[in-house]
C-alpha atoms as a PDB file:
ATOM      1  CA  UNK A   1      87.777  80.216 102.072  1.00  0.00           C
ATOM      2  CA  UNK A   2      87.576  83.977 101.743  1.00  0.00           C
ATOM      3  CA  UNK A   3      84.762  85.296  99.562  1.00  0.00           C
ATOM      4  CA  UNK A   4      83.980  88.938  99.004  1.00  0.00           C
ATOM      5  CA  UNK A   5      80.617  90.411  99.953  1.00  0.00           C
ATOM      6  CA  UNK A   6      79.238  92.482  97.100  1.00  0.00           C
ATOM      7  CA  UNK A   7      78.365  95.368  99.413  1.00  0.00           C
ATOM      8  CA  UNK A   8      82.006  95.676 100.526  1.00  0.00           C
ATOM      9  CA  UNK A   9      83.709  95.028  97.182  1.00  0.00           C
ATOM     10  CA  UNK A  10      84.852  98.624  96.880  1.00  0.00           C
ATOM     11  CA  UNK A  11      86.855  98.192 100.089  1.00  0.00           C
ATOM     12  CA  UNK A  12      89.392  95.889  98.439  1.00  0.00           C
ATOM     13  CA  UNK A  13      90.188  98.032  95.409  1.00  0.00           C
ATOM     14  CA  UNK A  14      92.888 100.263  96.896  1.00  0.00           C
ATOM     15  CA  UNK A  15      96.431  99.684  95.642  1.00  0.00           C
ATOM     16  CA  UNK A  16      99.804  99.744  97.468  1.00  0.00           C
ATOM     17  CA  UNK A  17     101.520 103.106  97.662  1.00  0.00           C
ATOM     18  CA  UNK A  18     105.054 101.954  96.841  1.00  0.00           C
ATOM     19  CA  UNK A  19     106.283 100.723  93.483  1.00  0.00           C
ATOM     20  CA  UNK A  20     107.995  97.795  95.201  1.00  0.00           C
ATOM     21  CA  UNK A  21     104.764  96.550  96.765  1.00  0.00           C
ATOM     22  CA  UNK A  22     102.901  96.993  93.484  1.00  0.00           C
ATOM     23  CA  UNK A  23     105.495  95.004  91.557  1.00  0.00           C
ATOM     24  CA  UNK A  24     105.419  92.288  94.213  1.00  0.00           C
ATOM     25  CA  UNK A  25     101.656  91.984  93.898  1.00  0.00           C
ATOM     26  CA  UNK A  26     101.083  92.924  97.535  1.00  0.00           C
ATOM     27  CA  UNK A  27      97.872  94.232  99.017  1.00  0.00           C
ATOM     28  CA  UNK A  28      97.498  97.797 100.177  1.00  0.00           C
ATOM     29  CA  UNK A  29      97.781  98.388 103.921  1.00  0.00           C
ATOM     30  CA  UNK A  30      94.108  99.336 103.954  1.00  0.00           C
ATOM     31  CA  UNK A  31      93.078  96.002 102.444  1.00  0.00           C
ATOM     32  CA  UNK A  32      95.440  94.098 104.737  1.00  0.00           C
ATOM     33  CA  UNK A  33      93.769  95.706 107.748  1.00  0.00           C
ATOM     34  CA  UNK A  34      90.308  94.711 106.490  1.00  0.00           C
ATOM     35  CA  UNK A  35      91.475  91.133 105.932  1.00  0.00           C
ATOM     36  CA  UNK A  36      92.987  91.010 109.407  1.00  0.00           C
ATOM     37  CA  UNK A  37      89.607  91.991 110.852  1.00  0.00           C
ATOM     38  CA  UNK A  38      87.993  89.189 108.823  1.00  0.00           C
ATOM     39  CA  UNK A  39      90.556  86.725 110.179  1.00  0.00           C
ATOM     40  CA  UNK A  40      89.925  87.801 113.770  1.00  0.00           C
ATOM     41  CA  UNK A  41      86.205  87.320 113.256  1.00  0.00           C
ATOM     42  CA  UNK A  42      86.903  83.790 111.966  1.00  0.00           C
ATOM     43  CA  UNK A  43      89.384  82.925 114.723  1.00  0.00           C
ATOM     44  CA  UNK A  44      87.370  84.249 117.663  1.00  0.00           C
ATOM     45  CA  UNK A  45      83.899  83.522 116.312  1.00  0.00           C
ATOM     46  CA  UNK A  46      82.742  87.112 116.744  1.00  0.00           C
ATOM     47  CA  UNK A  47      81.501  89.859 114.459  1.00  0.00           C
ATOM     48  CA  UNK A  48      83.060  93.306 114.428  1.00  0.00           C
ATOM     49  CA  UNK A  49      80.298  95.723 115.296  1.00  0.00           C
ATOM     50  CA  UNK A  50      79.706  98.718 113.081  1.00  0.00           C
ATOM     51  CA  UNK A  51      76.869 101.170 113.267  1.00  0.00           C
ATOM     52  CA  UNK A  52      76.166 104.683 112.069  1.00  0.00           C
ATOM     53  CA  UNK A  53      73.121 106.864 111.685  1.00  0.00           C
ATOM     54  CA  UNK A  54      73.348 106.338 107.928  1.00  0.00           C
ATOM     55  CA  UNK A  55      73.258 102.544 108.082  1.00  0.00           C
ATOM     56  CA  UNK A  56      70.589 102.666 110.799  1.00  0.00           C
ATOM     57  CA  UNK A  57      68.335 104.743 108.570  1.00  0.00           C
ATOM     58  CA  UNK A  58      69.022 102.506 105.580  1.00  0.00           C
ATOM     59  CA  UNK A  59      67.994  99.429 107.540  1.00  0.00           C
ATOM     60  CA  UNK A  60      64.875 101.013 109.051  1.00  0.00           C
ATOM     61  CA  UNK A  61      63.621 102.685 105.889  1.00  0.00           C
ATOM     62  CA  UNK A  62      64.591 100.047 103.325  1.00  0.00           C
ATOM     63  CA  UNK A  63      61.085  98.719 102.706  1.00  0.00           C
ATOM     64  CA  UNK A  64      59.551 102.186 102.351  1.00  0.00           C
ATOM     65  CA  UNK A  65      62.349 103.246 100.008  1.00  0.00           C
ATOM     66  CA  UNK A  66      61.834 100.165  97.848  1.00  0.00           C
ATOM     67  CA  UNK A  67      58.077 100.836  97.679  1.00  0.00           C
ATOM     68  CA  UNK A  68      58.729 104.416  96.579  1.00  0.00           C
ATOM     69  CA  UNK A  69      61.242 103.298  93.956  1.00  0.00           C
ATOM     70  CA  UNK A  70      58.922 100.593  92.640  1.00  0.00           C
ATOM     71  CA  UNK A  71      56.146 103.172  92.216  1.00  0.00           C
ATOM     72  CA  UNK A  72      58.410 105.737  90.545  1.00  0.00           C
ATOM     73  CA  UNK A  73      60.026 103.211  88.197  1.00  0.00           C
ATOM     74  CA  UNK A  74      56.701 101.647  87.213  1.00  0.00           C
ATOM     75  CA  UNK A  75      57.549  98.237  88.630  1.00  0.00           C
ATOM     76  CA  UNK A  76      54.185  97.619  90.270  1.00  0.00           C
ATOM     77  CA  UNK A  77      54.374  93.937  89.374  1.00  0.00           C
ATOM     78  CA  UNK A  78      57.025  93.505  92.079  1.00  0.00           C
ATOM     79  CA  UNK A  79      55.518  92.357  95.355  1.00  0.00           C
ATOM     80  CA  UNK A  80      58.586  92.355  97.590  1.00  0.00           C
ATOM     81  CA  UNK A  81      62.319  92.801  97.891  1.00  0.00           C
ATOM     82  CA  UNK A  82      64.486  89.980  96.601  1.00  0.00           C
ATOM     83  CA  UNK A  83      65.526  87.528  99.338  1.00  0.00           C
ATOM     84  CA  UNK A  84      67.549  85.113  97.212  1.00  0.00           C
ATOM     85  CA  UNK A  85      71.230  84.974  98.081  1.00  0.00           C
ATOM     86  CA  UNK A  86      73.790  84.438  95.324  1.00  0.00           C
ATOM     87  CA  UNK A  87      77.292  83.037  95.570  1.00  0.00           C
ATOM     88  CA  UNK A  88      80.108  81.758  93.380  1.00  0.00           C
ATOM     89  CA  UNK A  89      83.784  80.919  93.953  1.00  0.00           C
ATOM     90  CA  UNK A  90      84.671  84.553  94.637  1.00  0.00           C
ATOM     91  CA  UNK A  91      81.615  86.606  95.646  1.00  0.00           C
ATOM     92  CA  UNK A  92      78.427  86.605  97.698  1.00  0.00           C
ATOM     93  CA  UNK A  93      75.504  89.006  97.616  1.00  0.00           C
ATOM     94  CA  UNK A  94      71.778  89.648  97.805  1.00  0.00           C
ATOM     95  CA  UNK A  95      70.513  92.308  95.359  1.00  0.00           C
ATOM     96  CA  UNK A  96      67.465  94.367  96.304  1.00  0.00           C
ATOM     97  CA  UNK A  97      65.544  94.001  93.032  1.00  0.00           C
ATOM     98  CA  UNK A  98      66.146  91.528  90.205  1.00  0.00           C
ATOM     99  CA  UNK A  99      64.474  92.120  86.852  1.00  0.00           C
ATOM    100  CA  UNK A 100      64.720  90.041  83.695  1.00  0.00           C
ATOM    101  CA  UNK A 101      67.669  92.015  82.347  1.00  0.00           C
ATOM    102  CA  UNK A 102      68.621  94.333  85.178  1.00  0.00           C
ATOM    103  CA  UNK A 103      69.657  94.631  88.818  1.00  0.00           C
ATOM    104  CA  UNK A 104      68.416  97.522  90.954  1.00  0.00           C
ATOM    105  CA  UNK A 105      69.864  98.454  94.320  1.00  0.00           C
ATOM    106  CA  UNK A 106      68.251 100.984  96.661  1.00  0.00           C
ATOM    107  CA  UNK A 107      70.129 103.527  98.788  1.00  0.00           C
ATOM    108  CA  UNK A 108      68.540 105.750 101.451  1.00  0.00           C
ATOM    109  CA  UNK A 109      70.018 109.235 101.681  1.00  0.00           C
ATOM    110  CA  UNK A 110      70.332 110.722 105.154  1.00  0.00           C
ATOM    111  CA  UNK A 111      68.779 114.068 104.214  1.00  0.00           C
ATOM    112  CA  UNK A 112      68.300 116.461 101.308  1.00  0.00           C
ATOM    113  CA  UNK A 113      71.869 117.674 101.628  1.00  0.00           C
ATOM    114  CA  UNK A 114      73.321 114.194 101.057  1.00  0.00           C
ATOM    115  CA  UNK A 115      70.760 113.309  98.382  1.00  0.00           C
ATOM    116  CA  UNK A 116      72.502 113.535  94.952  1.00  0.00           C
ATOM    117  CA  UNK A 117      69.779 115.624  93.298  1.00  0.00           C
ATOM    118  CA  UNK A 118      72.106 117.428  90.896  1.00  0.00           C
ATOM    119  CA  UNK A 119      74.750 114.734  90.349  1.00  0.00           C
ATOM    120  CA  UNK A 120      75.249 113.548  86.779  1.00  0.00           C
ATOM    121  CA  UNK A 121      77.308 110.472  87.650  1.00  0.00           C
ATOM    122  CA  UNK A 122      77.090 107.920  90.436  1.00  0.00           C
ATOM    123  CA  UNK A 123      78.672 109.752  93.382  1.00  0.00           C
ATOM    124  CA  UNK A 124      79.810 106.725  95.396  1.00  0.00           C
ATOM    125  CA  UNK A 125      82.309 104.424  93.676  1.00  0.00           C
ATOM    126  CA  UNK A 126      81.623 101.682  96.225  1.00  0.00           C
ATOM    127  CA  UNK A 127      78.105 101.310  94.842  1.00  0.00           C
ATOM    128  CA  UNK A 128      79.568 100.905  91.358  1.00  0.00           C
ATOM    129  CA  UNK A 129      81.586  97.885  92.501  1.00  0.00           C
ATOM    130  CA  UNK A 130      78.635  96.502  94.441  1.00  0.00           C
ATOM    131  CA  UNK A 131      76.460  96.587  91.305  1.00  0.00           C
ATOM    132  CA  UNK A 132      79.213  94.991  89.226  1.00  0.00           C
ATOM    133  CA  UNK A 133      79.277  92.007  91.572  1.00  0.00           C
ATOM    134  CA  UNK A 134      75.477  91.758  91.670  1.00  0.00           C
ATOM    135  CA  UNK A 135      75.335  91.750  87.878  1.00  0.00           C
ATOM    136  CA  UNK A 136      78.097  89.155  87.711  1.00  0.00           C
ATOM    137  CA  UNK A 137      76.348  86.848  90.190  1.00  0.00           C
ATOM    138  CA  UNK A 138      72.985  87.103  88.422  1.00  0.00           C
ATOM    139  CA  UNK A 139      74.281  87.189  84.828  1.00  0.00           C
ATOM    140  CA  UNK A 140      72.812  90.620  84.082  1.00  0.00           C
ATOM    141  CA  UNK A 141      74.377  93.321  81.924  1.00  0.00           C
ATOM    142  CA  UNK A 142      72.507  96.331  83.263  1.00  0.00           C
ATOM    143  CA  UNK A 143      72.150  97.809  86.727  1.00  0.00           C
ATOM    144  CA  UNK A 144      70.766 100.869  88.453  1.00  0.00           C
ATOM    145  CA  UNK A 145      71.579 102.476  91.770  1.00  0.00           C
ATOM    146  CA  UNK A 146      68.490 104.273  93.042  1.00  0.00           C
ATOM    147  CA  UNK A 147      68.824 106.887  95.772  1.00  0.00           C
ATOM    148  CA  UNK A 148      65.638 107.539  97.723  1.00  0.00           C
ATOM    149  CA  UNK A 149      64.973 110.444 100.077  1.00  0.00           C
ATOM    150  CA  UNK A 150      62.682 109.383 102.917  1.00  0.00           C
ATOM    151  CA  UNK A 151      61.903 111.016 106.234  1.00  0.00           C
ATOM    152  CA  UNK A 152      64.283 109.993 109.000  1.00  0.00           C
ATOM    153  CA  UNK A 153      62.815 108.063 111.952  1.00  0.00           C
ATOM    154  CA  UNK A 154      62.757 110.187 115.086  1.00  0.00           C
ATOM    155  CA  UNK A 155      64.573 107.539 117.129  1.00  0.00           C
ATOM    156  CA  UNK A 156      67.776 107.929 115.104  1.00  0.00           C
ATOM    157  CA  UNK A 157      67.782 111.693 114.597  1.00  0.00           C
ATOM    158  CA  UNK A 158      69.929 112.041 117.743  1.00  0.00           C
ATOM    159  CA  UNK A 159      69.050 115.656 118.296  1.00  0.00           C
ATOM    160  CA  UNK A 160      69.496 116.698 114.681  1.00  0.00           C
ATOM    161  CA  UNK A 161      66.870 118.703 112.758  1.00  0.00           C
ATOM    162  CA  UNK A 162      63.844 116.766 111.523  1.00  0.00           C
ATOM    163  CA  UNK A 163      62.957 117.346 107.882  1.00  0.00           C
ATOM    164  CA  UNK A 164      59.668 116.369 106.267  1.00  0.00           C
ATOM    165  CA  UNK A 165      59.883 115.468 102.583  1.00  0.00           C
ATOM    166  CA  UNK A 166      56.442 113.893 102.295  1.00  0.00           C
ATOM    167  CA  UNK A 167      54.989 116.859 100.389  1.00  0.00           C
ATOM    168  CA  UNK A 168      57.810 116.956  97.835  1.00  0.00           C
ATOM    169  CA  UNK A 169      57.265 115.368  94.415  1.00  0.00           C
ATOM    170  CA  UNK A 170      58.915 112.010  93.880  1.00  0.00           C
ATOM    171  CA  UNK A 171      61.045 113.495  91.116  1.00  0.00           C
ATOM    172  CA  UNK A 172      62.887 115.350  93.882  1.00  0.00           C
ATOM    173  CA  UNK A 173      63.114 112.312  96.145  1.00  0.00           C
ATOM    174  CA  UNK A 174      64.334 109.612  93.756  1.00  0.00           C
ATOM    175  CA  UNK A 175      67.490 109.710  91.639  1.00  0.00           C
ATOM    176  CA  UNK A 176      68.738 106.855  89.463  1.00  0.00           C
ATOM    177  CA  UNK A 177      72.179 106.101  88.053  1.00  0.00           C
ATOM    178  CA  UNK A 178      72.760 103.501  85.339  1.00  0.00           C
ATOM    179  CA  UNK A 179      75.639 101.053  85.664  1.00  0.00           C
ATOM    180  CA  UNK A 180      76.810  98.861  82.778  1.00  0.00           C
ATOM    181  CA  UNK A 181      78.432  95.515  83.428  1.00  0.00           C
ATOM    182  CA  UNK A 182      82.210  95.535  82.957  1.00  0.00           C
ATOM    183  CA  UNK A 183      83.919  92.116  82.955  1.00  0.00           C
ATOM    184  CA  UNK A 184      87.318  93.767  83.420  1.00  0.00           C
ATOM    185  CA  UNK A 185      86.158  95.089  86.789  1.00  0.00           C
ATOM    186  CA  UNK A 186      85.177  91.568  87.842  1.00  0.00           C
ATOM    187  CA  UNK A 187      88.554  90.227  86.700  1.00  0.00           C
ATOM    188  CA  UNK A 188      90.278  92.919  88.751  1.00  0.00           C
ATOM    189  CA  UNK A 189      88.219  92.112  91.856  1.00  0.00           C
ATOM    190  CA  UNK A 190      88.890  88.396  91.406  1.00  0.00           C
ATOM    191  CA  UNK A 191      92.629  89.116  91.198  1.00  0.00           C
ATOM    192  CA  UNK A 192      92.359  91.085  94.427  1.00  0.00           C
ATOM    193  CA  UNK A 193      90.561  88.199  96.118  1.00  0.00           C
ATOM    194  CA  UNK A 194      93.314  85.808  95.006  1.00  0.00           C
ATOM    195  CA  UNK A 195      95.869  88.162  96.567  1.00  0.00           C
ATOM    196  CA  UNK A 196      93.780  88.233  99.744  1.00  0.00           C
ATOM    197  CA  UNK A 197      93.696  84.447  99.898  1.00  0.00           C
ATOM    198  CA  UNK A 198      97.462  84.302  99.401  1.00  0.00           C
ATOM    199  CA  UNK A 199      97.916  86.859 102.167  1.00  0.00           C
ATOM    200  CA  UNK A 200      95.680  84.805 104.478  1.00  0.00           C
ATOM    201  CA  UNK A 201      97.794  81.704 103.802  1.00  0.00           C
ATOM    202  CA  UNK A 202     100.960  83.665 104.591  1.00  0.00           C
ATOM    203  CA  UNK A 203      99.559  85.017 107.835  1.00  0.00           C
ATOM    204  CA  UNK A 204      98.286  81.602 108.919  1.00  0.00           C
ATOM    205  CA  UNK A 205     101.715  80.114 108.343  1.00  0.00           C
ATOM    206  CA  UNK A 206     103.521  82.614 110.583  1.00  0.00           C
END
Protein backbone atom coordinates (compact mmCIF):
# COMPACT_ATOMS: atom_id res chain seq x y z
CA UNK A 1 0.00 0.00 0.00
CA UNK A 2 1.29 3.42 -0.95
CA UNK A 3 2.52 5.58 1.92
CA UNK A 4 4.05 9.00 1.55
CA UNK A 5 7.57 9.73 2.75
CA UNK A 6 7.63 12.92 4.80
CA UNK A 7 10.66 14.25 2.93
CA UNK A 8 8.79 14.05 -0.39
CA UNK A 9 5.35 15.19 0.79
CA UNK A 10 5.63 18.48 -1.05
CA UNK A 11 5.91 16.56 -4.32
CA UNK A 12 2.28 15.44 -4.23
CA UNK A 13 0.68 18.82 -3.59
CA UNK A 14 0.40 20.08 -7.16
CA UNK A 15 -3.11 20.28 -8.61
CA UNK A 16 -4.46 19.51 -12.11
CA UNK A 17 -4.39 22.37 -14.58
CA UNK A 18 -7.84 21.86 -16.10
CA UNK A 19 -11.15 22.49 -14.38
CA UNK A 20 -12.43 19.13 -15.64
CA UNK A 21 -9.61 17.20 -13.98
CA UNK A 22 -10.03 19.17 -10.76
CA UNK A 23 -13.76 18.46 -10.63
CA UNK A 24 -13.11 14.78 -11.33
CA UNK A 25 -10.68 14.59 -8.43
CA UNK A 26 -7.78 13.59 -10.68
CA UNK A 27 -4.11 13.91 -9.86
CA UNK A 28 -1.89 16.42 -11.58
CA UNK A 29 0.33 15.08 -14.36
CA UNK A 30 3.35 15.80 -12.18
CA UNK A 31 2.01 13.63 -9.35
CA UNK A 32 0.97 10.90 -11.78
CA UNK A 33 4.53 10.76 -13.11
CA UNK A 34 5.94 10.44 -9.57
CA UNK A 35 3.49 7.64 -8.78
CA UNK A 36 4.40 5.84 -12.00
CA UNK A 37 8.06 5.90 -10.93
CA UNK A 38 7.03 4.44 -7.55
CA UNK A 39 5.09 1.69 -9.33
CA UNK A 40 8.05 0.82 -11.55
CA UNK A 41 10.27 0.57 -8.50
CA UNK A 42 7.74 -1.83 -6.94
CA UNK A 43 7.26 -3.89 -10.10
CA UNK A 44 10.93 -4.25 -11.04
CA UNK A 45 12.39 -4.29 -7.54
CA UNK A 46 14.76 -1.42 -8.26
CA UNK A 47 15.29 2.07 -6.90
CA UNK A 48 15.38 5.11 -9.15
CA UNK A 49 18.75 6.71 -8.64
CA UNK A 50 18.94 10.40 -7.85
CA UNK A 51 21.98 12.37 -6.87
CA UNK A 52 23.04 16.00 -6.84
CA UNK A 53 25.80 18.01 -5.25
CA UNK A 54 23.23 19.42 -2.83
CA UNK A 55 22.03 16.05 -1.55
CA UNK A 56 25.61 14.75 -1.49
CA UNK A 57 26.67 17.61 0.77
CA UNK A 58 23.61 17.17 2.97
CA UNK A 59 24.41 13.50 3.50
CA UNK A 60 28.13 14.05 4.14
CA UNK A 61 27.77 17.04 6.43
CA UNK A 62 24.61 16.05 8.31
CA UNK A 63 26.31 15.12 11.58
CA UNK A 64 28.45 18.27 11.66
CA UNK A 65 25.42 20.42 10.86
CA UNK A 66 23.42 18.81 13.66
CA UNK A 67 26.28 19.39 16.12
CA UNK A 68 26.44 23.06 15.13
CA UNK A 69 22.67 23.45 15.46
CA UNK A 70 22.61 21.70 18.83
CA UNK A 71 25.29 24.08 20.12
CA UNK A 72 23.58 27.19 18.74
CA UNK A 73 20.12 26.20 20.00
CA UNK A 74 21.40 25.26 23.45
CA UNK A 75 20.40 21.61 23.15
CA UNK A 76 23.58 20.19 24.63
CA UNK A 77 21.60 17.44 26.35
CA UNK A 78 21.13 15.78 22.95
CA UNK A 79 23.74 13.13 22.30
CA UNK A 80 22.83 12.09 18.76
CA UNK A 81 20.47 12.41 15.85
CA UNK A 82 17.13 10.65 16.15
CA UNK A 83 17.12 7.19 14.54
CA UNK A 84 13.53 6.20 15.34
CA UNK A 85 11.33 5.73 12.29
CA UNK A 86 7.66 6.69 12.47
CA UNK A 87 4.77 5.44 10.39
CA UNK A 88 0.98 5.48 10.28
CA UNK A 89 -1.65 4.55 7.68
CA UNK A 90 -0.59 7.38 5.37
CA UNK A 91 2.95 8.59 6.13
CA UNK A 92 6.47 7.50 7.02
CA UNK A 93 9.40 9.56 8.25
CA UNK A 94 12.44 9.93 10.47
CA UNK A 95 12.86 13.43 11.98
CA UNK A 96 16.36 14.67 12.77
CA UNK A 97 15.69 15.94 16.30
CA UNK A 98 12.71 15.21 18.54
CA UNK A 99 12.15 17.35 21.63
CA UNK A 100 9.37 17.12 24.19
CA UNK A 101 7.14 19.57 22.33
CA UNK A 102 8.95 20.20 19.07
CA UNK A 103 10.45 18.67 15.93
CA UNK A 104 13.64 20.09 14.43
CA UNK A 105 14.91 19.26 10.96
CA UNK A 106 18.36 20.26 9.71
CA UNK A 107 19.17 21.45 6.18
CA UNK A 108 22.68 22.02 4.81
CA UNK A 109 22.99 24.96 2.44
CA UNK A 110 25.34 24.54 -0.50
CA UNK A 111 27.11 27.87 0.01
CA UNK A 112 26.59 31.38 1.36
CA UNK A 113 24.63 32.35 -1.72
CA UNK A 114 22.00 29.65 -1.16
CA UNK A 115 21.96 30.15 2.62
CA UNK A 116 18.76 32.09 3.52
CA UNK A 117 20.50 34.66 5.73
CA UNK A 118 18.04 37.48 5.03
CA UNK A 119 14.84 35.47 4.49
CA UNK A 120 11.95 36.23 6.83
CA UNK A 121 9.87 33.17 5.92
CA UNK A 122 10.76 29.57 5.18
CA UNK A 123 12.01 29.73 1.58
CA UNK A 124 11.29 26.13 0.56
CA UNK A 125 7.65 25.05 0.73
CA UNK A 126 8.67 21.39 0.53
CA UNK A 127 10.27 21.67 3.97
CA UNK A 128 7.01 23.08 5.32
CA UNK A 129 5.14 19.94 4.24
CA UNK A 130 7.93 17.71 5.52
CA UNK A 131 7.69 19.29 8.99
CA UNK A 132 3.90 19.00 8.97
CA UNK A 133 4.17 15.25 8.46
CA UNK A 134 6.89 14.90 11.10
CA UNK A 135 4.76 16.77 13.62
CA UNK A 136 1.73 14.66 12.72
CA UNK A 137 3.64 11.39 13.14
CA UNK A 138 5.12 12.41 16.50
CA UNK A 139 2.09 14.30 17.87
CA UNK A 140 3.94 17.62 18.16
CA UNK A 141 2.50 21.07 17.53
CA UNK A 142 5.72 22.97 16.92
CA UNK A 143 8.55 22.53 14.45
CA UNK A 144 11.66 24.29 13.24
CA UNK A 145 13.60 24.06 10.01
CA UNK A 146 17.23 24.91 10.71
CA UNK A 147 19.53 25.83 7.84
CA UNK A 148 23.22 25.36 8.56
CA UNK A 149 26.13 26.69 6.52
CA UNK A 150 29.09 24.31 6.66
CA UNK A 151 32.19 24.06 4.51
CA UNK A 152 31.73 21.85 1.47
CA UNK A 153 33.85 18.68 1.27
CA UNK A 154 36.50 18.96 -1.42
CA UNK A 155 35.44 15.69 -3.06
CA UNK A 156 32.07 17.11 -4.11
CA UNK A 157 33.10 20.63 -5.10
CA UNK A 158 33.53 19.42 -8.70
CA UNK A 159 35.78 22.26 -9.70
CA UNK A 160 33.70 24.97 -8.06
CA UNK A 161 35.18 27.60 -5.72
CA UNK A 162 35.95 26.47 -2.18
CA UNK A 163 34.66 28.76 0.55
CA UNK A 164 35.74 28.64 4.18
CA UNK A 165 33.09 29.69 6.69
CA UNK A 166 34.85 28.39 9.79
CA UNK A 167 35.84 31.87 10.98
CA UNK A 168 32.32 33.29 10.63
CA UNK A 169 30.13 33.60 13.73
CA UNK A 170 27.42 30.99 14.10
CA UNK A 171 24.78 33.70 13.87
CA UNK A 172 25.74 33.98 10.20
CA UNK A 173 25.82 30.22 9.66
CA UNK A 174 22.57 29.10 11.27
CA UNK A 175 19.07 30.30 10.41
CA UNK A 176 15.86 28.94 11.92
CA UNK A 177 12.27 29.06 10.71
CA UNK A 178 9.32 28.17 12.94
CA UNK A 179 6.55 25.95 11.60
CA UNK A 180 3.22 25.51 13.39
CA UNK A 181 1.23 22.32 13.01
CA UNK A 182 -1.78 22.66 10.70
CA UNK A 183 -4.23 19.73 10.71
CA UNK A 184 -5.83 21.01 7.50
CA UNK A 185 -2.53 20.46 5.70
CA UNK A 186 -2.46 16.86 6.92
CA UNK A 187 -6.06 16.34 5.79
CA UNK A 188 -5.14 17.70 2.36
CA UNK A 189 -2.10 15.41 2.08
CA UNK A 190 -4.18 12.42 3.19
CA UNK A 191 -6.75 13.23 0.50
CA UNK A 192 -3.95 13.33 -2.05
CA UNK A 193 -2.68 9.95 -0.89
CA UNK A 194 -6.18 8.49 -1.25
CA UNK A 195 -6.27 9.82 -4.82
CA UNK A 196 -2.86 8.25 -5.43
CA UNK A 197 -4.06 4.89 -4.16
CA UNK A 198 -7.13 5.09 -6.39
CA UNK A 199 -4.92 5.95 -9.35
CA UNK A 200 -2.67 2.97 -8.57
CA UNK A 201 -5.71 0.66 -8.52
CA UNK A 202 -6.83 2.05 -11.88
CA UNK A 203 -3.42 1.57 -13.45
CA UNK A 204 -3.08 -1.96 -12.08
CA UNK A 205 -6.43 -2.88 -13.56
CA UNK A 206 -5.53 -1.78 -17.10
